[in-house]
Protein backbone atom coordinates (compact mmCIF):
# COMPACT_ATOMS: atom_id res chain seq x y z
CA UNK A 1 -19.18 -9.02 0.83
CA UNK A 2 -16.71 -10.53 -1.61
CA UNK A 3 -15.18 -8.88 -4.67
CA UNK A 4 -13.52 -10.89 -7.41
CA UNK A 5 -10.15 -9.43 -8.42
CA UNK A 6 -8.06 -10.92 -11.20
CA UNK A 7 -4.58 -11.90 -9.98
CA UNK A 8 -1.77 -12.60 -12.43
CA UNK A 9 1.34 -14.50 -11.34
CA UNK A 10 4.41 -12.85 -12.87
CA UNK A 11 6.98 -14.99 -11.04
CA UNK A 12 6.12 -18.66 -10.47
CA UNK A 13 8.07 -18.73 -7.21
CA UNK A 14 5.36 -16.65 -5.53
CA UNK A 15 2.59 -19.15 -6.38
CA UNK A 16 3.17 -21.00 -3.06
CA UNK A 17 2.62 -17.77 -1.07
CA UNK A 18 -0.24 -15.94 -2.73
CA UNK A 19 -1.90 -13.05 -0.91
CA UNK A 20 -4.48 -14.29 1.58
CA UNK A 21 -6.10 -12.99 4.75
CA UNK A 22 -4.33 -14.25 7.88
CA UNK A 23 -7.55 -14.41 9.90
CA UNK A 24 -11.27 -14.20 9.22
CA UNK A 25 -11.25 -10.55 10.37
CA UNK A 26 -8.05 -9.41 8.60
CA UNK A 27 -8.63 -6.30 6.51
CA UNK A 28 -5.59 -6.80 4.31
CA UNK A 29 -3.53 -9.46 2.62
CA UNK A 30 0.25 -9.67 2.77
CA UNK A 31 2.48 -8.80 -0.17
CA UNK A 32 5.88 -10.48 -0.20
CA UNK A 33 9.26 -9.43 -1.53
CA UNK A 34 9.83 -11.50 -4.67
CA UNK A 35 13.63 -11.39 -4.55
CA UNK A 36 16.35 -13.70 -5.85
CA UNK A 37 18.61 -13.06 -2.85
CA UNK A 38 18.61 -11.05 0.39
CA UNK A 39 18.63 -7.31 -0.21
CA UNK A 40 20.36 -4.94 2.19
CA UNK A 41 18.65 -1.59 2.53
CA UNK A 42 21.17 0.96 3.75
CA UNK A 43 20.00 3.68 6.14
CA UNK A 44 17.64 6.10 4.36
CA UNK A 45 17.78 4.08 1.12
CA UNK A 46 14.70 3.47 -1.02
CA UNK A 47 14.26 0.52 -3.33
CA UNK A 48 11.43 -0.64 -5.58
CA UNK A 49 10.65 -4.25 -4.63
CA UNK A 50 8.75 -6.60 -6.95
CA UNK A 51 5.94 -8.75 -5.56
CA UNK A 52 5.82 -11.17 -8.50
CA UNK A 53 2.14 -10.30 -8.98
CA UNK A 54 -0.17 -8.09 -10.99
CA UNK A 55 -3.84 -7.50 -10.37
CA UNK A 56 -6.77 -6.05 -12.23
CA UNK A 57 -9.76 -4.86 -10.22
CA UNK A 58 -11.76 -3.86 -13.28
CA UNK A 59 -14.53 -2.22 -11.26
CA UNK A 60 -14.52 1.60 -10.95
CA UNK A 61 -16.23 1.37 -7.57
CA UNK A 62 -13.02 -0.03 -6.00
CA UNK A 63 -9.30 0.63 -5.75
CA UNK A 64 -6.46 -1.13 -3.96
CA UNK A 65 -4.09 0.44 -1.48
CA UNK A 66 -0.65 -0.78 -0.48
CA UNK A 67 0.09 -0.05 3.17
CA UNK A 68 3.18 -0.64 5.33
CA UNK A 69 3.36 -3.45 7.87
CA UNK A 70 3.26 -1.88 11.31
CA UNK A 71 5.87 -4.18 12.85
CA UNK A 72 8.46 -3.47 10.15
CA UNK A 73 7.88 0.25 10.49
CA UNK A 74 7.92 0.41 14.27
CA UNK A 75 10.70 -2.08 15.00
CA UNK A 76 12.97 -1.56 12.00
CA UNK A 77 12.00 1.74 10.32
CA UNK A 78 10.91 -0.03 7.11
CA UNK A 79 8.00 1.86 5.58
CA UNK A 80 6.73 2.70 2.11
CA UNK A 81 8.70 5.29 0.17
CA UNK A 82 5.46 6.78 -1.12
CA UNK A 83 3.72 6.26 2.27
CA UNK A 84 0.64 4.68 0.60
CA UNK A 85 0.39 3.09 -2.82
CA UNK A 86 -2.82 3.54 -4.79
CA UNK A 87 -3.78 0.96 -7.43
CA UNK A 88 -6.53 2.20 -9.74
CA UNK A 89 -9.20 -0.20 -10.98
CA UNK A 90 -7.86 -0.12 -14.55
CA UNK A 91 -4.17 -0.73 -13.68
CA UNK A 92 -2.86 -4.10 -14.83
CA UNK A 93 0.90 -3.76 -14.38
CA UNK A 94 3.18 -5.37 -11.84
CA UNK A 95 2.66 -4.66 -8.16
CA UNK A 96 5.80 -3.05 -6.80
CA UNK A 97 6.44 -1.87 -3.26
CA UNK A 98 8.43 1.32 -2.75
CA UNK A 99 10.45 0.35 0.31
CA UNK A 100 12.20 2.99 2.44
CA UNK A 101 14.57 2.35 5.30
CA UNK A 102 14.00 5.46 7.41
CA UNK A 103 16.25 4.19 10.20
CA UNK A 104 19.94 4.79 10.82
CA UNK A 105 20.76 1.07 10.57
CA UNK A 106 20.89 -1.29 7.60
CA UNK A 107 18.07 -3.78 7.19
CA UNK A 108 18.28 -7.07 5.31
CA UNK A 109 15.11 -7.95 3.42
CA UNK A 110 14.84 -11.68 2.82
CA UNK A 111 13.35 -13.28 -0.30
CA UNK A 112 9.58 -13.78 0.10
CA UNK A 113 9.48 -11.91 3.40
CA UNK A 114 6.17 -10.18 4.13
CA UNK A 115 6.77 -6.58 3.13
CA UNK A 116 3.47 -4.71 2.85
CA UNK A 117 -0.29 -5.13 3.00
CA UNK A 118 -2.88 -4.76 0.26
CA UNK A 119 -6.44 -3.68 0.98
CA UNK A 120 -9.36 -3.08 -1.35
CA UNK A 121 -11.38 0.06 -0.66
CA UNK A 122 -14.57 1.55 -2.10
CA UNK A 123 -14.19 4.59 -4.33
CA UNK A 124 -16.63 7.44 -4.79
CA UNK A 125 -15.80 9.63 -7.77
CA UNK A 126 -17.01 13.14 -7.01
CA UNK A 127 -18.95 15.38 -9.31
CA UNK A 128 -17.68 18.87 -8.53
CA UNK A 129 -20.08 21.79 -8.34
CA UNK A 130 -18.39 25.19 -8.71
CA UNK A 131 -19.54 27.77 -6.13
CA UNK A 132 -18.53 31.33 -5.32
CA UNK A 133 -18.86 30.79 -1.57
CA UNK A 134 -19.57 27.95 0.80
CA UNK A 135 -22.50 27.93 3.18
CA UNK A 136 -20.99 28.83 6.56
CA UNK A 137 -20.35 25.95 8.96
CA UNK A 138 -19.27 25.82 12.58
CA UNK A 139 -15.70 25.10 11.52
CA UNK A 140 -15.54 27.17 8.30
CA UNK A 141 -11.88 27.65 7.36
CA UNK A 142 -10.29 26.83 10.70
CA UNK A 143 -8.77 23.42 11.01
CA UNK A 144 -5.28 23.32 9.55
CA UNK A 145 -3.07 23.46 12.62
CA UNK A 146 -6.04 23.46 14.97
CA UNK A 147 -4.75 20.56 17.07
CA UNK A 148 -3.15 23.07 19.42
CA UNK A 149 0.38 22.03 18.48
CA UNK A 150 2.42 24.13 16.13
C-alpha cells in the first residue's frame, strides 16, 4: 500500500539525496544531516540537526516517526536526544533530528551523512470510556517490573 506524503525541499542541496527506501523491503527512509560543514559532537552533547526537508502527511490515520540508525547507535553512541521523534499528520515545519552523542568520545558528523530513519505508521485515535473498575484479567495490575529483573 502506498501513501502520498507532501515533501518540501527547504535546502536545495538535499535535492540530490531525497529520502528513499534502500531496498524493496525497507521499512524506513534515510534522513541526512543538511550541514554546511562537519559538526563535532562532544561526548554527551546534544544538537538539533536540520534535514533540509519538511513534510505534510495531511491524513489523520497516519503519523511519521524519526528513529535512530542502529549502526550509529551501536558503533558510535549516536542516538536521538528524544529517543523517538513523532511527526503529527498536521505538522508542516522543518524536519529536525535531535542528535545525542551518548558515548565518551567525540564524533564528527559529516554534511549529508545518513543520520536517522523516517517511517510512516498508522494511527488509531482512541475514544476513552470512563469506568470505575476494569473487568479482571489474568494479568490485572501486575506487569511493571515483572521481567524478573529489578
